[in-house]
N, C-alpha and C. Protein backbone atom coordinates (compact mmCIF):
# COMPACT_ATOMS: atom_id res chain seq x y z
N MET A 1 139.98 113.41 93.41
CA MET A 1 140.00 112.97 92.03
C MET A 1 141.18 112.05 91.78
N GLY A 2 142.38 112.45 92.15
CA GLY A 2 143.55 111.60 91.96
C GLY A 2 143.49 110.36 92.82
N LEU A 3 143.04 110.54 94.06
CA LEU A 3 142.95 109.42 94.99
C LEU A 3 141.89 108.42 94.52
N THR A 4 140.77 108.92 94.03
CA THR A 4 139.72 108.04 93.52
C THR A 4 140.23 107.25 92.33
N ALA A 5 140.90 107.92 91.40
CA ALA A 5 141.45 107.24 90.22
C ALA A 5 142.47 106.18 90.65
N TRP A 6 143.34 106.52 91.58
CA TRP A 6 144.35 105.58 92.07
C TRP A 6 143.69 104.34 92.65
N GLN A 7 142.75 104.55 93.57
CA GLN A 7 142.12 103.43 94.25
C GLN A 7 141.29 102.57 93.29
N ALA A 8 140.70 103.20 92.28
CA ALA A 8 139.91 102.45 91.30
C ALA A 8 140.80 101.59 90.42
N LEU A 9 141.87 102.18 89.87
CA LEU A 9 142.70 101.46 88.90
C LEU A 9 143.82 100.65 89.53
N VAL A 10 144.53 101.22 90.48
CA VAL A 10 145.69 100.54 91.05
C VAL A 10 145.26 99.52 92.10
N ASP A 11 144.42 99.94 93.04
CA ASP A 11 144.02 99.04 94.13
C ASP A 11 142.92 98.05 93.72
N THR A 12 141.81 98.57 93.23
CA THR A 12 140.65 97.72 92.97
C THR A 12 140.81 96.89 91.71
N ALA A 13 141.20 97.52 90.60
CA ALA A 13 141.33 96.80 89.33
C ALA A 13 142.68 96.11 89.17
N ALA A 14 143.67 96.50 89.97
CA ALA A 14 145.03 95.96 89.85
C ALA A 14 145.53 96.05 88.41
N LEU A 15 145.36 97.22 87.80
CA LEU A 15 145.74 97.45 86.42
C LEU A 15 147.22 97.18 86.20
N ASN A 16 147.52 96.45 85.12
CA ASN A 16 148.90 96.09 84.80
C ASN A 16 149.29 96.57 83.41
N LYS A 17 150.57 96.60 83.19
CA LYS A 17 151.13 96.97 81.88
C LYS A 17 150.55 96.08 80.79
N GLY A 18 150.18 96.71 79.68
CA GLY A 18 149.67 95.99 78.53
C GLY A 18 148.19 95.71 78.55
N GLN A 19 147.52 95.94 79.67
CA GLN A 19 146.08 95.73 79.71
C GLN A 19 145.35 96.84 78.97
N ARG A 20 144.14 96.51 78.52
CA ARG A 20 143.28 97.49 77.84
C ARG A 20 142.26 98.01 78.86
N VAL A 21 142.19 99.34 78.96
CA VAL A 21 141.27 99.96 79.91
C VAL A 21 140.38 100.95 79.18
N LEU A 22 139.09 100.88 79.47
CA LEU A 22 138.10 101.83 78.95
C LEU A 22 137.71 102.75 80.09
N ILE A 23 137.94 104.05 79.90
CA ILE A 23 137.63 105.03 80.93
C ILE A 23 136.49 105.91 80.45
N HIS A 24 135.35 105.78 81.12
CA HIS A 24 134.21 106.63 80.82
C HIS A 24 134.36 107.94 81.60
N GLY A 25 134.04 109.04 80.98
CA GLY A 25 134.19 110.34 81.63
C GLY A 25 135.65 110.74 81.72
N ALA A 26 136.44 110.37 80.74
CA ALA A 26 137.89 110.57 80.78
C ALA A 26 138.31 112.03 80.78
N ALA A 27 137.46 112.93 80.35
CA ALA A 27 137.82 114.36 80.33
C ALA A 27 137.52 115.03 81.67
N GLY A 28 136.82 114.36 82.56
CA GLY A 28 136.46 114.93 83.86
C GLY A 28 137.58 114.86 84.87
N GLY A 29 137.29 115.25 86.09
CA GLY A 29 138.30 115.29 87.15
C GLY A 29 138.92 113.94 87.46
N VAL A 30 138.09 112.96 87.79
CA VAL A 30 138.60 111.61 88.08
C VAL A 30 139.14 110.98 86.80
N GLY A 31 138.40 111.12 85.71
CA GLY A 31 138.79 110.50 84.45
C GLY A 31 140.12 110.98 83.92
N SER A 32 140.39 112.29 84.02
CA SER A 32 141.65 112.82 83.50
C SER A 32 142.84 112.29 84.30
N PHE A 33 142.66 112.12 85.60
CA PHE A 33 143.71 111.49 86.41
C PHE A 33 143.82 110.01 86.06
N ALA A 34 142.68 109.35 85.85
CA ALA A 34 142.68 107.92 85.54
C ALA A 34 143.43 107.64 84.23
N VAL A 35 143.21 108.48 83.22
CA VAL A 35 143.93 108.30 81.96
C VAL A 35 145.43 108.37 82.20
N GLN A 36 145.86 109.38 82.92
CA GLN A 36 147.30 109.57 83.16
C GLN A 36 147.89 108.43 84.00
N LEU A 37 147.15 107.97 85.01
CA LEU A 37 147.63 106.85 85.84
C LEU A 37 147.72 105.57 85.01
N ALA A 38 146.71 105.34 84.16
CA ALA A 38 146.72 104.14 83.32
C ALA A 38 147.91 104.17 82.36
N LYS A 39 148.21 105.33 81.79
CA LYS A 39 149.38 105.45 80.91
C LYS A 39 150.66 105.22 81.70
N TRP A 40 150.74 105.75 82.90
CA TRP A 40 151.90 105.55 83.77
C TRP A 40 152.10 104.06 84.07
N LYS A 41 150.99 103.33 84.21
CA LYS A 41 151.06 101.89 84.49
C LYS A 41 151.37 101.08 83.22
N GLY A 42 151.35 101.73 82.05
CA GLY A 42 151.66 101.04 80.80
C GLY A 42 150.45 100.40 80.12
N ALA A 43 149.25 100.87 80.45
CA ALA A 43 148.02 100.33 79.86
C ALA A 43 147.71 100.98 78.52
N HIS A 44 146.89 100.31 77.74
CA HIS A 44 146.34 100.84 76.49
C HIS A 44 145.01 101.48 76.86
N VAL A 45 144.88 102.80 76.65
CA VAL A 45 143.72 103.55 77.14
C VAL A 45 142.75 103.88 76.01
N ILE A 46 141.48 103.54 76.26
CA ILE A 46 140.38 103.84 75.35
C ILE A 46 139.44 104.77 76.11
N ALA A 47 138.95 105.82 75.44
CA ALA A 47 138.04 106.74 76.11
C ALA A 47 137.11 107.38 75.09
N ALA A 48 135.88 107.66 75.53
CA ALA A 48 134.89 108.28 74.65
C ALA A 48 134.56 109.68 75.16
N SER A 49 134.45 110.58 74.21
CA SER A 49 134.04 111.95 74.51
C SER A 49 133.49 112.55 73.23
N GLY A 50 132.69 113.57 73.36
CA GLY A 50 132.18 114.26 72.19
C GLY A 50 133.10 115.40 71.80
N ARG A 51 133.00 116.49 72.51
CA ARG A 51 133.72 117.70 72.14
C ARG A 51 135.16 117.73 72.63
N ASN A 52 135.61 116.73 73.36
CA ASN A 52 136.93 116.75 73.97
C ASN A 52 137.95 115.83 73.30
N GLN A 53 137.80 115.57 72.02
CA GLN A 53 138.70 114.65 71.32
C GLN A 53 140.17 115.08 71.41
N ALA A 54 140.45 116.34 71.14
CA ALA A 54 141.84 116.83 71.19
C ALA A 54 142.38 116.74 72.61
N PHE A 55 141.54 117.05 73.58
CA PHE A 55 141.95 116.97 74.98
C PHE A 55 142.31 115.54 75.38
N LEU A 56 141.50 114.57 74.93
CA LEU A 56 141.80 113.17 75.23
C LEU A 56 143.16 112.77 74.67
N GLN A 57 143.47 113.24 73.46
CA GLN A 57 144.76 112.93 72.87
C GLN A 57 145.89 113.58 73.65
N GLU A 58 145.67 114.82 74.14
CA GLU A 58 146.68 115.49 74.97
C GLU A 58 146.96 114.70 76.24
N LEU A 59 145.91 114.09 76.79
CA LEU A 59 146.07 113.30 78.01
C LEU A 59 146.82 111.99 77.76
N GLY A 60 146.83 111.54 76.50
CA GLY A 60 147.54 110.30 76.18
C GLY A 60 146.65 109.13 75.82
N VAL A 61 145.36 109.39 75.59
CA VAL A 61 144.44 108.31 75.22
C VAL A 61 144.90 107.69 73.90
N ASP A 62 144.96 106.36 73.87
CA ASP A 62 145.38 105.64 72.67
C ASP A 62 144.27 105.53 71.64
N GLU A 63 143.04 105.34 72.11
CA GLU A 63 141.89 105.21 71.22
C GLU A 63 140.78 106.15 71.67
N PRO A 64 140.79 107.40 71.19
CA PRO A 64 139.68 108.30 71.51
C PRO A 64 138.48 107.98 70.62
N ILE A 65 137.29 107.97 71.21
CA ILE A 65 136.07 107.67 70.48
C ILE A 65 135.12 108.86 70.61
N ASP A 66 134.58 109.32 69.51
CA ASP A 66 133.60 110.40 69.52
C ASP A 66 132.22 109.77 69.68
N TYR A 67 131.70 109.77 70.91
CA TYR A 67 130.43 109.10 71.16
C TYR A 67 129.24 109.80 70.51
N GLU A 68 129.44 111.02 70.02
CA GLU A 68 128.36 111.70 69.30
C GLU A 68 128.22 111.14 67.88
N LYS A 69 129.25 110.46 67.41
CA LYS A 69 129.22 109.87 66.06
C LYS A 69 129.10 108.35 66.09
N THR A 70 129.70 107.71 67.09
CA THR A 70 129.74 106.26 67.16
C THR A 70 129.62 105.79 68.60
N ARG A 71 128.81 104.76 68.81
CA ARG A 71 128.69 104.19 70.16
C ARG A 71 129.95 103.39 70.49
N PHE A 72 130.45 103.54 71.71
CA PHE A 72 131.66 102.81 72.10
C PHE A 72 131.46 101.31 71.97
N GLU A 73 130.24 100.83 72.20
CA GLU A 73 129.95 99.40 72.13
C GLU A 73 130.16 98.84 70.72
N ASP A 74 130.09 99.71 69.71
CA ASP A 74 130.27 99.27 68.33
C ASP A 74 131.74 99.20 67.92
N LEU A 75 132.63 99.81 68.71
CA LEU A 75 134.05 99.87 68.35
C LEU A 75 134.98 99.10 69.28
N VAL A 76 134.60 98.96 70.51
CA VAL A 76 135.51 98.44 71.53
C VAL A 76 135.24 96.97 71.83
N ARG A 77 136.32 96.21 71.99
CA ARG A 77 136.24 94.79 72.36
C ARG A 77 137.42 94.43 73.25
N ASP A 78 137.28 93.34 73.99
CA ASP A 78 138.37 92.74 74.77
C ASP A 78 139.04 93.70 75.75
N VAL A 79 138.23 94.41 76.52
CA VAL A 79 138.75 95.34 77.52
C VAL A 79 138.95 94.58 78.84
N ASP A 80 140.11 94.80 79.44
CA ASP A 80 140.42 94.15 80.73
C ASP A 80 139.78 94.90 81.90
N VAL A 81 139.74 96.24 81.80
CA VAL A 81 139.24 97.08 82.90
C VAL A 81 138.33 98.16 82.33
N VAL A 82 137.18 98.34 82.96
CA VAL A 82 136.31 99.47 82.66
C VAL A 82 136.22 100.31 83.93
N LEU A 83 136.49 101.61 83.79
CA LEU A 83 136.28 102.55 84.90
C LEU A 83 135.03 103.34 84.56
N ASP A 84 133.99 103.12 85.34
CA ASP A 84 132.69 103.75 85.10
C ASP A 84 132.52 104.94 86.03
N THR A 85 132.48 106.14 85.44
CA THR A 85 132.24 107.36 86.21
C THR A 85 130.89 107.97 85.84
N LEU A 86 130.08 107.24 85.04
CA LEU A 86 128.81 107.78 84.54
C LEU A 86 127.58 106.99 84.96
N GLY A 87 127.69 105.66 85.03
CA GLY A 87 126.55 104.82 85.38
C GLY A 87 125.54 104.71 84.25
N GLY A 88 124.33 104.27 84.57
CA GLY A 88 123.22 104.21 83.63
C GLY A 88 123.51 103.38 82.39
N ASP A 89 123.09 103.92 81.23
CA ASP A 89 123.26 103.22 79.96
C ASP A 89 124.73 102.95 79.65
N THR A 90 125.60 103.86 80.06
CA THR A 90 127.04 103.68 79.80
C THR A 90 127.54 102.44 80.53
N GLN A 91 127.17 102.30 81.81
CA GLN A 91 127.57 101.11 82.55
C GLN A 91 126.97 99.86 81.92
N ASN A 92 125.70 99.92 81.57
CA ASN A 92 125.03 98.76 80.98
C ASN A 92 125.67 98.33 79.67
N GLY A 93 126.11 99.26 78.85
CA GLY A 93 126.74 98.93 77.58
C GLY A 93 128.15 98.40 77.73
N SER A 94 128.75 98.63 78.89
CA SER A 94 130.15 98.24 79.10
C SER A 94 130.35 96.73 79.23
N TRP A 95 129.33 96.01 79.68
CA TRP A 95 129.50 94.57 79.89
C TRP A 95 129.93 93.86 78.61
N LYS A 96 129.35 94.24 77.47
CA LYS A 96 129.61 93.50 76.24
C LYS A 96 130.95 93.81 75.60
N VAL A 97 131.70 94.79 76.11
CA VAL A 97 133.01 95.10 75.52
C VAL A 97 134.16 94.48 76.32
N MET A 98 133.80 93.80 77.41
CA MET A 98 134.82 93.29 78.32
C MET A 98 135.32 91.89 77.96
N LYS A 99 136.57 91.67 78.29
CA LYS A 99 137.21 90.37 78.14
C LYS A 99 136.81 89.50 79.35
N LYS A 100 136.64 88.22 79.13
CA LYS A 100 136.36 87.31 80.25
C LYS A 100 137.44 87.48 81.31
N GLY A 101 137.02 87.53 82.57
CA GLY A 101 137.96 87.71 83.67
C GLY A 101 138.29 89.16 83.96
N GLY A 102 137.75 90.09 83.15
CA GLY A 102 138.00 91.51 83.37
C GLY A 102 137.23 92.04 84.58
N ILE A 103 137.34 93.35 84.81
CA ILE A 103 136.65 93.96 85.94
C ILE A 103 136.08 95.31 85.55
N LEU A 104 134.84 95.54 85.98
CA LEU A 104 134.19 96.83 85.83
C LEU A 104 134.17 97.47 87.21
N VAL A 105 134.80 98.63 87.32
CA VAL A 105 134.85 99.36 88.58
C VAL A 105 134.02 100.63 88.42
N SER A 106 133.03 100.79 89.27
CA SER A 106 132.18 101.97 89.20
C SER A 106 132.34 102.82 90.47
N ILE A 107 132.37 104.13 90.24
CA ILE A 107 132.41 105.06 91.38
C ILE A 107 131.08 105.79 91.53
N VAL A 108 130.07 105.42 90.69
CA VAL A 108 128.79 106.13 90.73
C VAL A 108 127.57 105.26 91.02
N ALA A 109 127.59 104.01 90.61
CA ALA A 109 126.43 103.14 90.79
C ALA A 109 126.87 101.69 90.93
N PRO A 110 126.33 100.97 91.89
CA PRO A 110 126.72 99.56 92.05
C PRO A 110 126.43 98.75 90.79
N PRO A 111 127.46 98.10 90.23
CA PRO A 111 127.23 97.26 89.05
C PRO A 111 126.46 96.00 89.43
N SER A 112 125.70 95.48 88.50
CA SER A 112 124.92 94.28 88.72
C SER A 112 125.82 93.05 88.84
N ALA A 113 125.72 92.36 89.96
CA ALA A 113 126.48 91.12 90.15
C ALA A 113 126.01 90.06 89.15
N ASP A 114 124.72 90.06 88.83
CA ASP A 114 124.18 89.10 87.87
C ASP A 114 124.75 89.33 86.48
N GLU A 115 124.83 90.60 86.06
CA GLU A 115 125.41 90.92 84.74
C GLU A 115 126.89 90.55 84.70
N ALA A 116 127.59 90.83 85.79
CA ALA A 116 129.01 90.48 85.84
C ALA A 116 129.18 88.97 85.66
N ALA A 117 128.40 88.19 86.39
CA ALA A 117 128.49 86.72 86.30
C ALA A 117 128.11 86.24 84.90
N LYS A 118 127.08 86.83 84.33
CA LYS A 118 126.62 86.46 82.99
C LYS A 118 127.71 86.67 81.94
N HIS A 119 128.55 87.68 82.12
CA HIS A 119 129.61 87.99 81.16
C HIS A 119 130.98 87.45 81.57
N GLY A 120 131.04 86.76 82.70
CA GLY A 120 132.30 86.16 83.13
C GLY A 120 133.34 87.17 83.58
N VAL A 121 132.87 88.25 84.19
CA VAL A 121 133.77 89.31 84.67
C VAL A 121 133.48 89.60 86.13
N ARG A 122 134.31 90.42 86.71
CA ARG A 122 134.11 90.86 88.09
C ARG A 122 133.59 92.30 88.08
N SER A 123 133.03 92.71 89.20
CA SER A 123 132.58 94.09 89.31
C SER A 123 132.86 94.60 90.71
N ALA A 124 133.00 95.92 90.80
CA ALA A 124 133.24 96.53 92.10
C ALA A 124 132.64 97.93 92.11
N PHE A 125 132.12 98.31 93.26
CA PHE A 125 131.62 99.65 93.49
C PHE A 125 132.28 100.15 94.75
N PHE A 126 132.79 101.37 94.71
CA PHE A 126 133.44 101.88 95.91
C PHE A 126 133.44 103.40 95.93
N SER A 127 133.69 103.92 97.11
CA SER A 127 133.96 105.34 97.30
C SER A 127 135.38 105.44 97.81
N ALA A 128 136.08 106.46 97.38
CA ALA A 128 137.47 106.63 97.82
C ALA A 128 137.52 106.83 99.33
N HIS A 129 138.61 106.40 99.90
CA HIS A 129 138.84 106.59 101.34
C HIS A 129 140.18 107.30 101.52
N PRO A 130 140.34 108.00 102.63
CA PRO A 130 141.60 108.73 102.86
C PRO A 130 142.80 107.79 102.93
N SER A 131 143.92 108.23 102.35
CA SER A 131 145.16 107.47 102.42
C SER A 131 146.33 108.42 102.23
N SER A 132 147.01 108.72 103.30
CA SER A 132 148.15 109.64 103.20
C SER A 132 149.28 109.03 102.38
N SER A 133 149.47 107.71 102.45
CA SER A 133 150.55 107.09 101.67
C SER A 133 150.25 107.16 100.17
N GLN A 134 149.01 106.95 99.79
CA GLN A 134 148.65 107.04 98.38
C GLN A 134 148.73 108.49 97.89
N LEU A 135 148.28 109.43 98.71
CA LEU A 135 148.40 110.85 98.34
C LEU A 135 149.86 111.23 98.16
N SER A 136 150.72 110.67 98.97
CA SER A 136 152.16 110.92 98.85
C SER A 136 152.69 110.39 97.52
N GLU A 137 152.26 109.19 97.13
CA GLU A 137 152.68 108.61 95.85
C GLU A 137 152.18 109.46 94.68
N ILE A 138 150.94 109.92 94.77
CA ILE A 138 150.37 110.78 93.73
C ILE A 138 151.16 112.08 93.65
N ALA A 139 151.48 112.66 94.79
CA ALA A 139 152.25 113.92 94.82
C ALA A 139 153.62 113.73 94.17
N LYS A 140 154.26 112.58 94.40
CA LYS A 140 155.55 112.30 93.77
C LYS A 140 155.41 112.25 92.25
N LEU A 141 154.32 111.64 91.77
CA LEU A 141 154.09 111.57 90.32
C LEU A 141 153.81 112.95 89.73
N VAL A 142 153.10 113.79 90.48
CA VAL A 142 152.85 115.17 90.03
C VAL A 142 154.17 115.93 89.98
N ASP A 143 154.96 115.81 91.06
CA ASP A 143 156.26 116.50 91.11
C ASP A 143 157.19 116.04 89.98
N ALA A 144 157.09 114.77 89.61
CA ALA A 144 157.95 114.22 88.55
C ALA A 144 157.40 114.54 87.15
N GLY A 145 156.24 115.19 87.08
CA GLY A 145 155.65 115.54 85.79
C GLY A 145 154.93 114.40 85.11
N LYS A 146 154.70 113.30 85.83
CA LYS A 146 154.01 112.15 85.24
C LYS A 146 152.49 112.28 85.33
N LEU A 147 152.02 113.08 86.26
CA LEU A 147 150.60 113.39 86.41
C LEU A 147 150.44 114.90 86.45
N LYS A 148 149.42 115.39 85.77
CA LYS A 148 149.16 116.82 85.77
C LYS A 148 147.69 117.04 86.13
N PRO A 149 147.43 117.68 87.27
CA PRO A 149 146.04 118.00 87.61
C PRO A 149 145.45 118.93 86.54
N VAL A 150 144.23 118.68 86.16
CA VAL A 150 143.56 119.48 85.14
C VAL A 150 142.47 120.31 85.83
N VAL A 151 142.62 121.62 85.76
CA VAL A 151 141.63 122.53 86.34
C VAL A 151 141.04 123.34 85.20
N GLU A 152 139.74 123.19 84.98
CA GLU A 152 139.06 123.90 83.90
C GLU A 152 138.73 125.33 84.29
N THR A 153 138.19 125.51 85.50
CA THR A 153 137.68 126.81 85.90
C THR A 153 138.00 127.06 87.36
N VAL A 154 138.38 128.30 87.67
CA VAL A 154 138.56 128.74 89.05
C VAL A 154 137.57 129.88 89.28
N LEU A 155 136.72 129.70 90.27
CA LEU A 155 135.70 130.70 90.59
C LEU A 155 135.85 131.16 92.03
N PRO A 156 135.43 132.38 92.34
CA PRO A 156 135.43 132.81 93.74
C PRO A 156 134.37 132.01 94.51
N LEU A 157 134.49 131.97 95.81
CA LEU A 157 133.53 131.22 96.64
C LEU A 157 132.10 131.67 96.35
N SER A 158 131.93 132.94 96.06
CA SER A 158 130.58 133.44 95.74
C SER A 158 130.04 132.82 94.44
N GLY A 159 130.87 132.17 93.66
CA GLY A 159 130.46 131.51 92.43
C GLY A 159 130.13 130.04 92.61
N ALA A 160 129.89 129.61 93.85
CA ALA A 160 129.62 128.20 94.14
C ALA A 160 128.41 127.70 93.35
N ARG A 161 127.39 128.51 93.23
CA ARG A 161 126.20 128.10 92.48
C ARG A 161 126.57 127.83 91.01
N ARG A 162 127.34 128.74 90.43
CA ARG A 162 127.77 128.59 89.03
C ARG A 162 128.64 127.33 88.88
N ALA A 163 129.52 127.08 89.85
CA ALA A 163 130.37 125.89 89.82
C ALA A 163 129.52 124.63 89.81
N HIS A 164 128.49 124.62 90.63
CA HIS A 164 127.60 123.46 90.70
C HIS A 164 126.87 123.28 89.36
N GLU A 165 126.41 124.38 88.76
CA GLU A 165 125.73 124.31 87.46
C GLU A 165 126.67 123.75 86.39
N LEU A 166 127.91 124.23 86.37
CA LEU A 166 128.89 123.73 85.40
C LEU A 166 129.14 122.24 85.59
N ASN A 167 129.27 121.83 86.83
CA ASN A 167 129.52 120.42 87.15
C ASN A 167 128.34 119.55 86.73
N GLU A 168 127.13 120.04 86.90
CA GLU A 168 125.93 119.28 86.58
C GLU A 168 125.76 119.01 85.09
N THR A 169 126.44 119.79 84.24
CA THR A 169 126.33 119.56 82.80
C THR A 169 126.96 118.23 82.41
N GLY A 170 127.88 117.73 83.23
CA GLY A 170 128.56 116.47 82.92
C GLY A 170 129.61 116.62 81.82
N HIS A 171 129.93 117.86 81.46
CA HIS A 171 130.89 118.09 80.38
C HIS A 171 132.06 118.94 80.83
N ALA A 172 132.30 119.02 82.13
CA ALA A 172 133.45 119.78 82.63
C ALA A 172 134.73 119.05 82.26
N ARG A 173 135.75 119.81 81.96
CA ARG A 173 137.06 119.26 81.65
C ARG A 173 137.89 119.40 82.91
N GLY A 174 138.31 118.30 83.49
CA GLY A 174 139.06 118.38 84.74
C GLY A 174 138.16 118.82 85.87
N LYS A 175 138.72 119.61 86.76
CA LYS A 175 137.98 120.02 87.95
C LYS A 175 137.61 121.50 87.91
N ILE A 176 136.58 121.83 88.66
CA ILE A 176 136.17 123.21 88.88
C ILE A 176 136.55 123.52 90.32
N VAL A 177 137.31 124.62 90.49
CA VAL A 177 137.85 124.95 91.81
C VAL A 177 137.21 126.23 92.32
N LEU A 178 136.90 126.24 93.62
CA LEU A 178 136.42 127.45 94.28
C LEU A 178 137.58 128.06 95.07
N LYS A 179 137.83 129.32 94.82
CA LYS A 179 138.91 130.04 95.51
C LYS A 179 138.33 130.69 96.74
N VAL A 180 138.89 130.38 97.90
CA VAL A 180 138.36 130.87 99.17
C VAL A 180 139.01 132.15 99.63
N ALA A 181 140.21 132.46 99.19
CA ALA A 181 140.89 133.65 99.70
C ALA A 181 140.52 134.92 98.98
């Protein structure tokens, strides 16, 4: 989760101080790390959630949006970076909120190169890869209190089925952990 967020925002998007970033799925495992990394980089963070408004504010989101009341496409404009952790309609709606020259980075579905070109932005799809040096940097940020892993639920290994069911709802806050010992 932390490594995916790092590689999406720091490596792929080259997020800089003062940029506007829209993080879809910001209350989830990757998203909660992405919000914190974006704040650490000095970005202005926008995120949509329904029931997790207070949680988004705790994470440091500058513009929390309640998607159950308002579509993000109706409120957001001039975004430099979109981190897509949802795909589908959410990814499709993201093109129109982006600033020319921006980038949409997806970790779930390859973005359309044609749509990117049509809107004058870049797009990227990737899966995280191992990096001990990046994990070391993330660990330093955790140790310094700049990043805080968010764990919603800890279940015994025998609860793997329940963990999968919780994850499939798409509304988990942070990560669901299976305890093996």
